[in-house]
PDB file of N, CA and C in Angstrom:
ATOM      1  N   MET A   1     -29.547  21.386  -8.821  1.00  0.00           N
ATOM      2  CA  MET A   1     -29.493  20.149  -9.972  1.00  0.00           C
ATOM      3  C   MET A   1     -30.799  20.057 -10.333  1.00  0.00           C
ATOM      4  N   HIS A   2     -30.979  19.906 -11.655  1.00  0.00           N
ATOM      5  CA  HIS A   2     -32.386  19.872 -12.735  1.00  0.00           C
ATOM      6  C   HIS A   2     -33.071  18.676 -12.441  1.00  0.00           C
ATOM      7  N   ARG A   3     -34.304  19.020 -12.626  1.00  0.00           N
ATOM      8  CA  ARG A   3     -35.234  17.966 -12.150  1.00  0.00           C
ATOM      9  C   ARG A   3     -34.917  16.661 -13.139  1.00  0.00           C
ATOM     10  N   ALA A   4     -34.748  17.115 -14.035  1.00  0.00           N
ATOM     11  CA  ALA A   4     -34.479  15.805 -15.106  1.00  0.00           C
ATOM     12  C   ALA A   4     -33.234  14.875 -15.005  1.00  0.00           C
ATOM     13  N   MET A   5     -32.207  15.738 -14.554  1.00  0.00           N
ATOM     14  CA  MET A   5     -30.855  14.919 -13.751  1.00  0.00           C
ATOM     15  C   MET A   5     -31.056  14.195 -12.388  1.00  0.00           C
ATOM     16  N   ARG A   6     -31.509  14.471 -11.962  1.00  0.00           N
ATOM     17  CA  ARG A   6     -32.644  14.048 -10.752  1.00  0.00           C
ATOM     18  C   ARG A   6     -32.965  12.466 -10.604  1.00  0.00           C
ATOM     19  N   LEU A   7     -34.101  13.171 -11.650  1.00  0.00           N
ATOM     20  CA  LEU A   7     -34.775  11.676 -12.237  1.00  0.00           C
ATOM     21  C   LEU A   7     -33.867  10.630 -13.031  1.00  0.00           C
ATOM     22  N   LEU A   8     -32.481  10.798 -14.180  1.00  0.00           N
ATOM     23  CA  LEU A   8     -32.061  10.392 -14.164  1.00  0.00           C
ATOM     24  C   LEU A   8     -30.896   9.451 -13.123  1.00  0.00           C
ATOM     25  N   LEU A   9     -30.466  10.283 -12.559  1.00  0.00           N
ATOM     26  CA  LEU A   9     -29.565   9.625 -11.397  1.00  0.00           C
ATOM     27  C   LEU A   9     -30.718   8.819 -10.793  1.00  0.00           C
ATOM     28  N   SER A  10     -31.591   8.890  -9.846  1.00  0.00           N
ATOM     29  CA  SER A  10     -32.374   7.996  -9.313  1.00  0.00           C
ATOM     30  C   SER A  10     -32.803   6.541  -9.995  1.00  0.00           C
ATOM     31  N   ALA A  11     -32.677   7.090 -11.445  1.00  0.00           N
ATOM     32  CA  ALA A  11     -33.261   5.773 -12.185  1.00  0.00           C
ATOM     33  C   ALA A  11     -31.713   5.063 -12.405  1.00  0.00           C
ATOM     34  N   THR A  12     -30.789   5.586 -12.323  1.00  0.00           N
ATOM     35  CA  THR A  12     -29.361   4.748 -13.096  1.00  0.00           C
ATOM     36  C   THR A  12     -28.533   4.369 -11.984  1.00  0.00           C
ATOM     37  N   LEU A  13     -28.550   5.424 -10.933  1.00  0.00           N
ATOM     38  CA  LEU A  13     -27.289   5.040 -10.119  1.00  0.00           C
ATOM     39  C   LEU A  13     -27.476   3.618  -8.826  1.00  0.00           C
ATOM     40  N   PRO A  14     -28.798   3.103  -8.856  1.00  0.00           N
ATOM     41  CA  PRO A  14     -28.422   1.643  -8.317  1.00  0.00           C
ATOM     42  C   PRO A  14     -28.071   0.806  -9.402  1.00  0.00           C
ATOM     43  N   ALA A  15     -28.303   0.728 -10.509  1.00  0.00           N
ATOM     44  CA  ALA A  15     -27.302   0.152 -11.580  1.00  0.00           C
ATOM     45  C   ALA A  15     -26.060   0.384 -11.566  1.00  0.00           C
ATOM     46  N   LEU A  16     -25.467   1.233 -11.184  1.00  0.00           N
ATOM     47  CA  LEU A  16     -24.200   1.724 -11.547  1.00  0.00           C
ATOM     48  C   LEU A  16     -23.629   0.915 -10.709  1.00  0.00           C
ATOM     49  N   LEU A  17     -24.408   1.284  -9.434  1.00  0.00           N
ATOM     50  CA  LEU A  17     -23.204   1.387  -7.877  1.00  0.00           C
ATOM     51  C   LEU A  17     -23.271  -0.370  -7.424  1.00  0.00           C
ATOM     52  N   VAL A  18     -24.323  -1.320  -7.912  1.00  0.00           N
ATOM     53  CA  VAL A  18     -24.343  -2.702  -7.422  1.00  0.00           C
ATOM     54  C   VAL A  18     -23.201  -3.616  -8.469  1.00  0.00           C
ATOM     55  N   GLN A  19     -22.608  -4.415  -7.517  1.00  0.00           N
ATOM     56  CA  GLN A  19     -21.645  -5.337  -8.037  1.00  0.00           C
ATOM     57  C   GLN A  19     -22.522  -6.599  -8.883  1.00  0.00           C
ATOM     58  N   VAL A  20     -22.023  -7.178  -9.929  1.00  0.00           N
ATOM     59  CA  VAL A  20     -22.389  -8.101 -10.606  1.00  0.00           C
ATOM     60  C   VAL A  20     -21.421  -9.023 -10.587  1.00  0.00           C
ATOM     61  N   ASN A  21     -21.985 -10.306 -10.632  1.00  0.00           N
ATOM     62  CA  ASN A  21     -20.899 -11.391 -10.956  1.00  0.00           C
ATOM     63  C   ASN A  21     -20.911 -11.604 -12.535  1.00  0.00           C
ATOM     64  N   ALA A  22     -20.364 -12.571 -13.337  1.00  0.00           N
ATOM     65  CA  ALA A  22     -19.909 -12.589 -14.841  1.00  0.00           C
ATOM     66  C   ALA A  22     -21.772 -13.114 -15.686  1.00  0.00           C
ATOM     67  N   ASP A  23     -22.483 -13.601 -14.757  1.00  0.00           N
ATOM     68  CA  ASP A  23     -23.626 -14.162 -15.278  1.00  0.00           C
ATOM     69  C   ASP A  23     -24.466 -12.393 -15.121  1.00  0.00           C
ATOM     70  N   GLN A  24     -24.359 -11.532 -14.696  1.00  0.00           N
ATOM     71  CA  GLN A  24     -24.661 -10.138 -14.564  1.00  0.00           C
ATOM     72  C   GLN A  24     -26.002 -10.525 -13.610  1.00  0.00           C
ATOM     73  N   GLN A  25     -25.724 -11.450 -12.684  1.00  0.00           N
ATOM     74  CA  GLN A  25     -26.292 -11.451 -11.773  1.00  0.00           C
ATOM     75  C   GLN A  25     -25.891 -10.946 -10.421  1.00  0.00           C
ATOM     76  N   PRO A  26     -26.592  -9.746  -9.386  1.00  0.00           N
ATOM     77  CA  PRO A  26     -26.149  -9.606  -8.264  1.00  0.00           C
ATOM     78  C   PRO A  26     -25.350 -10.001  -7.012  1.00  0.00           C
ATOM     79  N   LEU A  27     -24.567  -9.433  -6.718  1.00  0.00           N
ATOM     80  CA  LEU A  27     -23.432 -10.496  -6.058  1.00  0.00           C
ATOM     81  C   LEU A  27     -24.442 -10.333  -4.452  1.00  0.00           C
ATOM     82  N   THR A  28     -24.255 -11.257  -3.953  1.00  0.00           N
ATOM     83  CA  THR A  28     -25.046 -11.329  -2.571  1.00  0.00           C
ATOM     84  C   THR A  28     -23.736 -10.903  -1.592  1.00  0.00           C
ATOM     85  N   GLN A  29     -24.523 -10.437  -0.328  1.00  0.00           N
ATOM     86  CA  GLN A  29     -23.497  -9.900   0.462  1.00  0.00           C
ATOM     87  C   GLN A  29     -24.313 -10.406   1.848  1.00  0.00           C
ATOM     88  N   PRO A  30     -23.508 -10.425   3.144  1.00  0.00           N
ATOM     89  CA  PRO A  30     -24.606 -10.537   4.474  1.00  0.00           C
ATOM     90  C   PRO A  30     -25.142  -9.231   4.444  1.00  0.00           C
ATOM     91  N   ALA A  31     -26.437  -9.692   4.877  1.00  0.00           N
ATOM     92  CA  ALA A  31     -26.720  -8.429   5.920  1.00  0.00           C
ATOM     93  C   ALA A  31     -26.649  -7.459   6.567  1.00  0.00           C
ATOM     94  N   ALA A  32     -25.170  -8.240   7.199  1.00  0.00           N
ATOM     95  CA  ALA A  32     -24.763  -6.953   8.309  1.00  0.00           C
ATOM     96  C   ALA A  32     -23.698  -6.146   7.693  1.00  0.00           C
ATOM     97  N   VAL A  33     -23.516  -6.429   6.217  1.00  0.00           N
ATOM     98  CA  VAL A  33     -22.429  -5.355   5.499  1.00  0.00           C
ATOM     99  C   VAL A  33     -23.265  -4.157   5.533  1.00  0.00           C
ATOM    100  N   PRO A  34     -22.926  -3.069   5.483  1.00  0.00           N
ATOM    101  CA  PRO A  34     -23.772  -1.728   5.877  1.00  0.00           C
ATOM    102  C   PRO A  34     -23.233  -1.791   3.779  1.00  0.00           C
ATOM    103  N   ALA A  35     -24.770  -1.383   3.139  1.00  0.00           N
ATOM    104  CA  ALA A  35     -24.921  -1.133   2.136  1.00  0.00           C
ATOM    105  C   ALA A  35     -23.836   0.091   1.039  1.00  0.00           C
ATOM    106  N   ILE A  36     -23.297   1.136   2.001  1.00  0.00           N
ATOM    107  CA  ILE A  36     -22.374   1.765   1.693  1.00  0.00           C
ATOM    108  C   ILE A  36     -21.047   1.057   1.141  1.00  0.00           C
ATOM    109  N   GLN A  37     -20.354   0.225   2.173  1.00  0.00           N
ATOM    110  CA  GLN A  37     -19.822  -0.952   1.777  1.00  0.00           C
ATOM    111  C   GLN A  37     -19.813  -1.557   0.450  1.00  0.00           C
ATOM    112  N   ARG A  38     -20.811  -1.930  -0.116  1.00  0.00           N
ATOM    113  CA  ARG A  38     -20.887  -2.792  -1.103  1.00  0.00           C
ATOM    114  C   ARG A  38     -21.081  -1.888  -2.530  1.00  0.00           C
ATOM    115  N   ILE A  39     -20.804  -0.859  -2.604  1.00  0.00           N
ATOM    116  CA  ILE A  39     -20.640   0.199  -3.448  1.00  0.00           C
ATOM    117  C   ILE A  39     -19.566  -0.074  -3.950  1.00  0.00           C
ATOM    118  N   ILE A  40     -19.649  -0.292  -5.634  1.00  0.00           N
ATOM    119  CA  ILE A  40     -17.624  -0.201  -6.013  1.00  0.00           C
ATOM    120  C   ILE A  40     -17.464   0.770  -6.005  1.00  0.00           C
ATOM    121  N   LYS A  41     -16.070   1.019  -5.519  1.00  0.00           N
ATOM    122  CA  LYS A  41     -15.550   1.976  -5.015  1.00  0.00           C
ATOM    123  C   LYS A  41     -14.969   2.439  -6.142  1.00  0.00           C
ATOM    124  N   ASP A  42     -14.814   2.375  -7.758  1.00  0.00           N
ATOM    125  CA  ASP A  42     -14.924   3.255  -8.826  1.00  0.00           C
ATOM    126  C   ASP A  42     -15.839   3.844  -9.193  1.00  0.00           C
ATOM    127  N   ALA A  43     -17.159   3.154  -8.911  1.00  0.00           N
ATOM    128  CA  ALA A  43     -18.414   3.682  -8.959  1.00  0.00           C
ATOM    129  C   ALA A  43     -18.913   4.562  -8.189  1.00  0.00           C
ATOM    130  N   TRP A  44     -18.344   4.807  -6.630  1.00  0.00           N
ATOM    131  CA  TRP A  44     -18.533   5.770  -5.857  1.00  0.00           C
ATOM    132  C   TRP A  44     -17.192   6.965  -6.552  1.00  0.00           C
ATOM    133  N   ALA A  45     -16.424   6.477  -6.661  1.00  0.00           N
ATOM    134  CA  ALA A  45     -15.567   7.909  -6.878  1.00  0.00           C
ATOM    135  C   ALA A  45     -16.048   8.706  -7.938  1.00  0.00           C
ATOM    136  N   ALA A  46     -16.602   7.939  -9.338  1.00  0.00           N
ATOM    137  CA  ALA A  46     -17.239   8.509 -10.487  1.00  0.00           C
ATOM    138  C   ALA A  46     -18.512   9.114 -10.385  1.00  0.00           C
ATOM    139  N   PHE A  47     -19.379   8.747  -9.418  1.00  0.00           N
ATOM    140  CA  PHE A  47     -20.586   9.598  -8.868  1.00  0.00           C
ATOM    141  C   PHE A  47     -19.986  10.637  -8.056  1.00  0.00           C
ATOM    142  N   ASN A  48     -19.218  10.094  -7.223  1.00  0.00           N
ATOM    143  CA  ASN A  48     -18.812  11.405  -6.463  1.00  0.00           C
ATOM    144  C   ASN A  48     -17.916  12.891  -7.118  1.00  0.00           C
ATOM    145  N   ASN A  49     -17.232  12.543  -8.290  1.00  0.00           N
ATOM    146  CA  ASN A  49     -16.791  13.454  -9.065  1.00  0.00           C
ATOM    147  C   ASN A  49     -17.828  14.146 -10.306  1.00  0.00           C
ATOM    148  N   SER A  50     -18.975  13.275 -10.251  1.00  0.00           N
ATOM    149  CA  SER A  50     -20.026  14.241 -11.219  1.00  0.00           C
ATOM    150  C   SER A  50     -20.755  15.273 -10.366  1.00  0.00           C
ATOM    151  N   VAL A  51     -20.223  15.230  -9.292  1.00  0.00           N
ATOM    152  CA  VAL A  51     -20.937  15.935  -8.500  1.00  0.00           C
ATOM    153  C   VAL A  51     -20.182  16.423  -7.564  1.00  0.00           C
ATOM    154  N   ASP A  52     -19.215  17.377  -8.075  1.00  0.00           N
ATOM    155  CA  ASP A  52     -18.257  18.002  -7.920  1.00  0.00           C
ATOM    156  C   ASP A  52     -17.788  17.451  -6.422  1.00  0.00           C
ATOM    157  N   GLY A  53     -17.286  16.437  -6.102  1.00  0.00           N
ATOM    158  CA  GLY A  53     -16.734  15.915  -4.492  1.00  0.00           C
ATOM    159  C   GLY A  53     -17.944  16.115  -3.348  1.00  0.00           C
ATOM    160  N   ARG A  54     -19.246  16.368  -3.999  1.00  0.00           N
ATOM    161  CA  ARG A  54     -20.397  16.415  -2.864  1.00  0.00           C
ATOM    162  C   ARG A  54     -20.536  15.121  -1.899  1.00  0.00           C
ATOM    163  N   LEU A  55     -19.834  14.217  -2.278  1.00  0.00           N
ATOM    164  CA  LEU A  55     -20.520  12.826  -1.635  1.00  0.00           C
ATOM    165  C   LEU A  55     -19.735  12.463  -0.293  1.00  0.00           C
ATOM    166  N   HIS A  56     -19.829  12.491   0.729  1.00  0.00           N
ATOM    167  CA  HIS A  56     -19.520  11.893   2.224  1.00  0.00           C
ATOM    168  C   HIS A  56     -19.633  10.428   2.802  1.00  0.00           C
ATOM    169  N   THR A  57     -19.078   9.882   3.275  1.00  0.00           N
ATOM    170  CA  THR A  57     -20.011   8.647   4.001  1.00  0.00           C
ATOM    171  C   THR A  57     -19.804   9.040   5.769  1.00  0.00           C
ATOM    172  N   SER A  58     -20.139   8.911   6.445  1.00  0.00           N
ATOM    173  CA  SER A  58     -19.966   9.399   8.192  1.00  0.00           C
ATOM    174  C   SER A  58     -20.648   7.749   8.599  1.00  0.00           C
ATOM    175  N   VAL A  59     -20.495   8.300   9.703  1.00  0.00           N
ATOM    176  CA  VAL A  59     -20.920   6.913  10.935  1.00  0.00           C
ATOM    177  C   VAL A  59     -21.707   8.120  11.821  1.00  0.00           C
ATOM    178  N   PRO A  60     -22.954   7.331  12.264  1.00  0.00           N
ATOM    179  CA  PRO A  60     -23.579   7.685  13.410  1.00  0.00           C
ATOM    180  C   PRO A  60     -23.437   9.028  14.238  1.00  0.00           C
ATOM    181  N   PHE A  61     -23.913  10.323  14.669  1.00  0.00           N
ATOM    182  CA  PHE A  61     -24.039  10.969  15.147  1.00  0.00           C
ATOM    183  C   PHE A  61     -23.591  10.941  16.580  1.00  0.00           C
ATOM    184  N   ALA A  62     -24.088   9.888  17.297  1.00  0.00           N
ATOM    185  CA  ALA A  62     -24.019   9.040  18.755  1.00  0.00           C
ATOM    186  C   ALA A  62     -22.919   8.267  18.716  1.00  0.00           C
ATOM    187  N   ALA A  63     -22.296   7.791  18.058  1.00  0.00           N
ATOM    188  CA  ALA A  63     -21.450   6.656  17.333  1.00  0.00           C
ATOM    189  C   ALA A  63     -20.166   6.821  18.670  1.00  0.00           C
ATOM    190  N   ALA A  64     -19.518   7.595  19.150  1.00  0.00           N
ATOM    191  CA  ALA A  64     -18.709   7.569  20.199  1.00  0.00           C
ATOM    192  C   ALA A  64     -19.306   6.969  21.238  1.00  0.00           C
ATOM    193  N   CYS A  65     -20.452   6.882  21.684  1.00  0.00           N
ATOM    194  CA  CYS A  65     -20.821   6.476  22.858  1.00  0.00           C
ATOM    195  C   CYS A  65     -21.347   4.943  23.147  1.00  0.00           C
ATOM    196  N   PHE A  66     -21.072   4.377  21.801  1.00  0.00           N
ATOM    197  CA  PHE A  66     -21.523   2.763  21.928  1.00  0.00           C
ATOM    198  C   PHE A  66     -20.467   2.054  21.749  1.00  0.00           C
ATOM    199  N   VAL A  67     -20.400   0.658  22.348  1.00  0.00           N
ATOM    200  CA  VAL A  67     -19.276   0.050  21.877  1.00  0.00           C
ATOM    201  C   VAL A  67     -19.795  -0.877  20.638  1.00  0.00           C
ATOM    202  N   SER A  68     -20.568  -1.279  19.803  1.00  0.00           N
ATOM    203  CA  SER A  68     -20.524  -1.730  18.719  1.00  0.00           C
ATOM    204  C   SER A  68     -20.959  -0.984  17.609  1.00  0.00           C
ATOM    205  N   PHE A  69     -20.865  -1.212  16.382  1.00  0.00           N
ATOM    206  CA  PHE A  69     -21.202  -0.070  15.242  1.00  0.00           C
ATOM    207  C   PHE A  69     -21.575  -1.501  14.599  1.00  0.00           C
ATOM    208  N   GLU A  70     -22.540  -1.406  13.365  1.00  0.00           N
ATOM    209  CA  GLU A  70     -22.672  -2.520  12.294  1.00  0.00           C
ATOM    210  C   GLU A  70     -22.318  -3.714  12.031  1.00  0.00           C
ATOM    211  N   GLY A  71     -22.869  -3.925  13.392  1.00  0.00           N
ATOM    212  CA  GLY A  71     -22.436  -5.272  14.147  1.00  0.00           C
ATOM    213  C   GLY A  71     -21.399  -5.450  14.678  1.00  0.00           C
ATOM    214  N   GLN A  72     -20.527  -4.527  14.263  1.00  0.00           N
ATOM    215  CA  GLN A  72     -18.728  -4.832  14.729  1.00  0.00           C
ATOM    216  C   GLN A  72     -18.428  -3.687  16.328  1.00  0.00           C
ATOM    217  N   GLU A  73     -17.291  -4.620  16.614  1.00  0.00           N
ATOM    218  CA  GLU A  73     -16.859  -3.395  17.980  1.00  0.00           C
ATOM    219  C   GLU A  73     -16.402  -2.162  17.386  1.00  0.00           C
ATOM    220  N   HIS A  74     -16.816  -1.120  18.321  1.00  0.00           N
ATOM    221  CA  HIS A  74     -16.832  -0.022  17.941  1.00  0.00           C
ATOM    222  C   HIS A  74     -15.912   0.218  19.224  1.00  0.00           C
ATOM    223  N   HIS A  75     -15.144   1.513  19.187  1.00  0.00           N
ATOM    224  CA  HIS A  75     -14.104   1.801  20.364  1.00  0.00           C
ATOM    225  C   HIS A  75     -15.076   3.628  20.742  1.00  0.00           C
ATOM    226  N   THR A  76     -15.696   3.033  21.802  1.00  0.00           N
ATOM    227  CA  THR A  76     -15.927   4.667  22.925  1.00  0.00           C
ATOM    228  C   THR A  76     -15.006   5.997  22.602  1.00  0.00           C
ATOM    229  N   ASN A  77     -15.317   7.158  22.493  1.00  0.00           N
ATOM    230  CA  ASN A  77     -14.651   8.129  22.864  1.00  0.00           C
ATOM    231  C   ASN A  77     -15.492   8.904  23.780  1.00  0.00           C
ATOM    232  N   SER A  78     -14.848   8.970  25.224  1.00  0.00           N
ATOM    233  CA  SER A  78     -15.339   9.762  26.098  1.00  0.00           C
ATOM    234  C   SER A  78     -15.803  10.961  25.827  1.00  0.00           C
ATOM    235  N   GLU A  79     -14.849  11.820  25.469  1.00  0.00           N
ATOM    236  CA  GLU A  79     -14.744  13.081  25.450  1.00  0.00           C
ATOM    237  C   GLU A  79     -15.805  13.520  23.808  1.00  0.00           C
ATOM    238  N   GLN A  80     -15.720  13.234  22.895  1.00  0.00           N
ATOM    239  CA  GLN A  80     -16.552  13.143  21.855  1.00  0.00           C
ATOM    240  C   GLN A  80     -18.171  12.126  22.814  1.00  0.00           C
ATOM    241  N   CYS A  81     -18.289  11.731  23.583  1.00  0.00           N
ATOM    242  CA  CYS A  81     -19.430  11.294  23.983  1.00  0.00           C
ATOM    243  C   CYS A  81     -19.850  12.216  24.665  1.00  0.00           C
ATOM    244  N   LEU A  82     -19.280  12.742  25.437  1.00  0.00           N
ATOM    245  CA  LEU A  82     -19.484  13.965  26.393  1.00  0.00           C
ATOM    246  C   LEU A  82     -20.591  15.406  25.825  1.00  0.00           C
ATOM    247  N   GLY A  83     -19.596  15.657  24.475  1.00  0.00           N
ATOM    248  CA  GLY A  83     -20.196  16.353  23.674  1.00  0.00           C
ATOM    249  C   GLY A  83     -21.481  16.239  22.951  1.00  0.00           C
ATOM    250  N   VAL A  84     -21.578  14.964  22.682  1.00  0.00           N
ATOM    251  CA  VAL A  84     -22.786  14.388  21.775  1.00  0.00           C
ATOM    252  C   VAL A  84     -23.966  14.664  23.157  1.00  0.00           C
ATOM    253  N   ARG A  85     -23.682  14.032  24.224  1.00  0.00           N
ATOM    254  CA  ARG A  85     -24.499  14.047  25.275  1.00  0.00           C
ATOM    255  C   ARG A  85     -25.291  15.575  25.504  1.00  0.00           C
ATOM    256  N   LYS A  86     -23.963  16.241  25.822  1.00  0.00           N
ATOM    257  CA  LYS A  86     -24.458  17.705  26.636  1.00  0.00           C
ATOM    258  C   LYS A  86     -25.082  18.448  25.619  1.00  0.00           C
ATOM    259  N   HIS A  87     -24.881  18.246  24.180  1.00  0.00           N
ATOM    260  CA  HIS A  87     -25.393  19.043  22.811  1.00  0.00           C
ATOM    261  C   HIS A  87     -26.518  18.673  22.418  1.00  0.00           C
ATOM    262  N   TYR A  88     -26.981  17.081  22.653  1.00  0.00           N
ATOM    263  CA  TYR A  88     -28.124  16.346  21.794  1.00  0.00           C
ATOM    264  C   TYR A  88     -28.924  16.751  21.408  1.00  0.00           C
ATOM    265  N   THR A  89     -29.856  17.836  22.172  1.00  0.00           N
ATOM    266  CA  THR A  89     -30.806  18.161  21.538  1.00  0.00           C
ATOM    267  C   THR A  89     -30.479  19.627  20.599  1.00  0.00           C
ATOM    268  N   ASP A  90     -29.681  20.176  20.902  1.00  0.00           N
ATOM    269  CA  ASP A  90     -29.178  21.768  19.843  1.00  0.00           C
ATOM    270  C   ASP A  90     -28.802  21.422  18.337  1.00  0.00           C
ATOM    271  N   ALA A  91     -30.036  21.578  18.048  1.00  0.00           N
ATOM    272  CA  ALA A  91     -29.991  22.463  16.164  1.00  0.00           C
ATOM    273  C   ALA A  91     -28.931  22.598  16.061  1.00  0.00           C
ATOM    274  N   LYS A  92     -28.241  23.490  16.718  1.00  0.00           N
ATOM    275  CA  LYS A  92     -27.152  23.881  16.064  1.00  0.00           C
ATOM    276  C   LYS A  92     -25.827  23.223  15.505  1.00  0.00           C
ATOM    277  N   PHE A  93     -25.873  22.626  17.131  1.00  0.00           N
ATOM    278  CA  PHE A  93     -24.710  21.767  17.020  1.00  0.00           C
ATOM    279  C   PHE A  93     -24.991  20.990  16.123  1.00  0.00           C
ATOM    280  N   ARG A  94     -26.461  20.010  16.180  1.00  0.00           N
ATOM    281  CA  ARG A  94     -26.234  18.799  15.531  1.00  0.00           C
ATOM    282  C   ARG A  94     -26.228  19.289  13.603  1.00  0.00           C
ATOM    283  N   ALA A  95     -26.498  20.230  13.373  1.00  0.00           N
ATOM    284  CA  ALA A  95     -26.492  20.861  11.925  1.00  0.00           C
ATOM    285  C   ALA A  95     -25.445  20.820  11.299  1.00  0.00           C
ATOM    286  N   SER A  96     -23.950  20.791  12.360  1.00  0.00           N
ATOM    287  CA  SER A  96     -22.806  21.248  12.150  1.00  0.00           C
ATOM    288  C   SER A  96     -22.174  19.591  11.716  1.00  0.00           C
ATOM    289  N   ASN A  97     -22.929  18.554  12.073  1.00  0.00           N
ATOM    290  CA  ASN A  97     -22.838  17.020  11.280  1.00  0.00           C
ATOM    291  C   ASN A  97     -23.531  16.563  10.907  1.00  0.00           C
ATOM    292  N   PRO A  98     -23.530  16.293   9.566  1.00  0.00           N
ATOM    293  CA  PRO A  98     -24.200  15.632   8.372  1.00  0.00           C
ATOM    294  C   PRO A  98     -25.109  14.528   8.586  1.00  0.00           C
ATOM    295  N   ALA A  99     -23.964  13.672  10.268  1.00  0.00           N
ATOM    296  CA  ALA A  99     -25.402  12.358  10.256  1.00  0.00           C
ATOM    297  C   ALA A  99     -26.198  12.552  11.480  1.00  0.00           C
ATOM    298  N   ALA A 100     -26.141  13.868  11.885  1.00  0.00           N
ATOM    299  CA  ALA A 100     -27.080  14.300  13.172  1.00  0.00           C
ATOM    300  C   ALA A 100     -28.686  14.915  12.392  1.00  0.00           C
ATOM    301  N   PHE A 101     -29.431  13.918  12.603  1.00  0.00           N
ATOM    302  CA  PHE A 101     -30.753  13.874  12.183  1.00  0.00           C
ATOM    303  C   PHE A 101     -31.467  15.328  13.324  1.00  0.00           C
ATOM    304  N   ILE A 102     -32.077  16.129  12.692  1.00  0.00           N
ATOM    305  CA  ILE A 102     -32.507  17.189  13.480  1.00  0.00           C
ATOM    306  C   ILE A 102     -33.774  16.783  14.282  1.00  0.00           C
ATOM    307  N   SER A 103     -34.867  15.380  13.370  1.00  0.00           N
ATOM    308  CA  SER A 103     -35.478  15.131  14.109  1.00  0.00           C
ATOM    309  C   SER A 103     -34.699  13.629  14.465  1.00  0.00           C
ATOM    310  N   THR A 104     -34.790  13.732  15.797  1.00  0.00           N
ATOM    311  CA  THR A 104     -34.112  12.857  16.558  1.00  0.00           C
ATOM    312  C   THR A 104     -34.848  11.143  16.675  1.00  0.00           C
ATOM    313  N   GLN A 105     -36.438  10.795  16.242  1.00  0.00           N
ATOM    314  CA  GLN A 105     -36.778   9.748  16.400  1.00  0.00           C
ATOM    315  C   GLN A 105     -36.370   8.954  15.471  1.00  0.00           C
ATOM    316  N   TRP A 106     -35.829   9.261  14.286  1.00  0.00           N
ATOM    317  CA  TRP A 106     -35.171   8.146  13.417  1.00  0.00           C
ATOM    318  C   TRP A 106     -33.475   7.923  13.886  1.00  0.00           C
ATOM    319  N   GLU A 107     -33.374   8.561  14.843  1.00  0.00           N
ATOM    320  CA  GLU A 107     -31.908   7.649  15.484  1.00  0.00           C
ATOM    321  C   GLU A 107     -31.948   6.403  16.373  1.00  0.00           C
ATOM    322  N   THR A 108     -33.260   6.106  16.435  1.00  0.00           N
ATOM    323  CA  THR A 108     -33.180   5.214  17.239  1.00  0.00           C
ATOM    324  C   THR A 108     -33.488   4.072  16.302  1.00  0.00           C
ATOM    325  N   CYS A 109     -33.608   2.728  16.903  1.00  0.00           N
ATOM    326  CA  CYS A 109     -33.668   1.458  15.818  1.00  0.00           C
ATOM    327  C   CYS A 109     -34.944   1.039  15.933  1.00  0.00           C
ATOM    328  N   GLN A 110     -35.570   1.236  14.645  1.00  0.00           N
ATOM    329  CA  GLN A 110     -36.767   0.780  14.286  1.00  0.00           C
ATOM    330  C   GLN A 110     -36.987  -0.558  14.198  1.00  0.00           C
ATOM    331  N   ASN A 111     -38.588  -0.820  14.128  1.00  0.00           N
ATOM    332  CA  ASN A 111     -38.917  -2.342  14.031  1.00  0.00           C
ATOM    333  C   ASN A 111     -38.785  -2.792  12.546  1.00  0.00           C
ATOM    334  N   THR A 112     -38.877  -3.654  12.080  1.00  0.00           N
ATOM    335  CA  THR A 112     -38.786  -3.968  10.999  1.00  0.00           C
ATOM    336  C   THR A 112     -39.439  -5.181  10.595  1.00  0.00           C
TER     337      THR A 112
END
């Protein structure tokens, strides 16, 4: 993507994707609602179309090992979790999953 197009998207995308009320004020959402869920579905579809369908949503790499996600109950998957644990530090395995960072320190909870 050309630099000018990246700059344009970075400047305009947030405005395109945030819902507003009749007074053009951003709608407030509880902090527990993930930002990806606050995106207007039609805006997401249009943006995804503009990049030839290359946008994807995902869940954290090790989500199969945890009983909660985004403050909600989440069912574990022992078979998937075993695979994650077995290959947790395997860069080649992690590269096949878009939600698996190679630099694992950013997968943990950070102080805010």
